[in-house]
């Protein structure tokens, strides 16, 4: 089994979603726009990284009828990966 490379941006996304997951309000899914603001990065780079994370099965992207990303949440595999990355800080 090969190790999948996780970019710096993808690590930041997973860490932010992990932090959100552990908040007292029950892990409300973060929206795409909130993530763009929190990371202060380029929306297209963030969108590309989100698609990679979704393909790997680490996040779920809820979409509007028009196909726009509405909210993001970690999957069980994503929780495991995010916790693993958190421990490496």
Protein backbone atom coordinates (compact mmCIF):
# COMPACT_ATOMS: atom_id res chain seq x y z
CA UNK A 1 0.00 0.00 0.00
CA UNK A 2 1.43 3.36 -1.00
CA UNK A 3 1.28 6.40 1.22
CA UNK A 4 -0.79 9.23 -0.21
CA UNK A 5 0.89 12.62 -0.16
CA UNK A 6 -1.04 15.24 1.78
CA UNK A 7 -0.25 18.83 0.83
CA UNK A 8 0.17 21.59 3.39
CA UNK A 9 -3.18 23.07 2.37
CA UNK A 10 -4.92 19.71 2.70
CA UNK A 11 -3.41 19.29 6.18
CA UNK A 12 -4.74 22.72 7.18
CA UNK A 13 -8.19 21.85 5.86
CA UNK A 14 -8.28 18.55 7.76
CA UNK A 15 -7.09 20.21 10.96
CA UNK A 16 -9.71 22.96 10.71
CA UNK A 17 -12.45 20.41 10.10
CA UNK A 18 -11.19 18.32 13.03
CA UNK A 19 -11.29 21.38 15.30
CA UNK A 20 -14.81 22.13 14.10
CA UNK A 21 -15.84 18.52 14.68
CA UNK A 22 -14.75 18.67 18.33
CA UNK A 23 -16.54 21.94 19.16
CA UNK A 24 -19.28 21.70 21.79
CA UNK A 25 -22.08 22.49 19.35
CA UNK A 26 -21.88 19.00 17.92
CA UNK A 27 -19.55 19.29 14.97
CA UNK A 28 -21.59 21.45 12.65
CA UNK A 29 -20.24 21.13 9.13
CA UNK A 30 -18.09 24.01 7.99
CA UNK A 31 -19.09 25.78 4.81
CA UNK A 32 -16.82 26.16 1.83
CA UNK A 33 -16.80 29.96 2.03
CA UNK A 34 -15.95 29.91 5.76
CA UNK A 35 -13.02 27.65 4.95
CA UNK A 36 -11.80 30.01 2.23
CA UNK A 37 -11.96 32.92 4.70
CA UNK A 38 -10.25 30.96 7.48
CA UNK A 39 -7.38 29.88 5.24
CA UNK A 40 -7.13 33.24 3.47
CA UNK A 41 -6.16 31.38 0.34
CA UNK A 42 -7.09 31.17 -3.29
CA UNK A 43 -10.58 29.72 -3.72
CA UNK A 44 -9.60 27.58 -6.72
CA UNK A 45 -6.66 25.97 -4.86
CA UNK A 46 -8.89 25.26 -1.87
CA UNK A 47 -11.60 23.82 -4.13
CA UNK A 48 -9.05 21.56 -5.83
CA UNK A 49 -7.76 20.33 -2.47
CA UNK A 50 -11.32 19.68 -1.28
CA UNK A 51 -11.99 17.55 -4.37
CA UNK A 52 -8.86 15.49 -3.66
CA UNK A 53 -9.87 15.00 -0.02
CA UNK A 54 -13.36 13.97 -1.12
CA UNK A 55 -11.95 11.50 -3.67
CA UNK A 56 -9.82 9.93 -0.95
CA UNK A 57 -12.93 9.50 1.18
CA UNK A 58 -11.77 11.83 3.97
CA UNK A 59 -14.49 14.46 3.63
CA UNK A 60 -18.06 14.73 2.39
CA UNK A 61 -19.04 17.82 0.44
CA UNK A 62 -22.76 18.59 0.59
CA UNK A 63 -23.83 20.42 -2.53
CA UNK A 64 -26.72 22.65 -3.53
CA UNK A 65 -28.99 21.65 -6.41
CA UNK A 66 -26.78 23.78 -8.62
CA UNK A 67 -23.69 21.78 -7.64
CA UNK A 68 -22.05 24.40 -5.42
CA UNK A 69 -20.31 23.22 -2.27
CA UNK A 70 -22.51 24.07 0.67
CA UNK A 71 -20.97 22.32 3.67
CA UNK A 72 -18.04 20.07 4.52
CA UNK A 73 -17.71 17.30 7.05
CA UNK A 74 -15.10 14.70 7.92
CA UNK A 75 -15.86 11.04 7.29
CA UNK A 76 -14.74 8.42 9.82
CA UNK A 77 -11.63 7.85 7.68
CA UNK A 78 -11.10 11.62 7.57
CA UNK A 79 -11.37 11.85 11.35
CA UNK A 80 -8.70 9.19 11.65
CA UNK A 81 -6.40 10.91 9.14
CA UNK A 82 -6.92 14.36 10.70
CA UNK A 83 -6.17 12.98 14.19
CA UNK A 84 -3.04 11.32 12.82
CA UNK A 85 -1.88 14.62 11.31
CA UNK A 86 -2.75 16.47 14.55
CA UNK A 87 -0.46 14.14 16.51
CA UNK A 88 2.43 15.01 14.18
CA UNK A 89 2.28 18.73 15.05
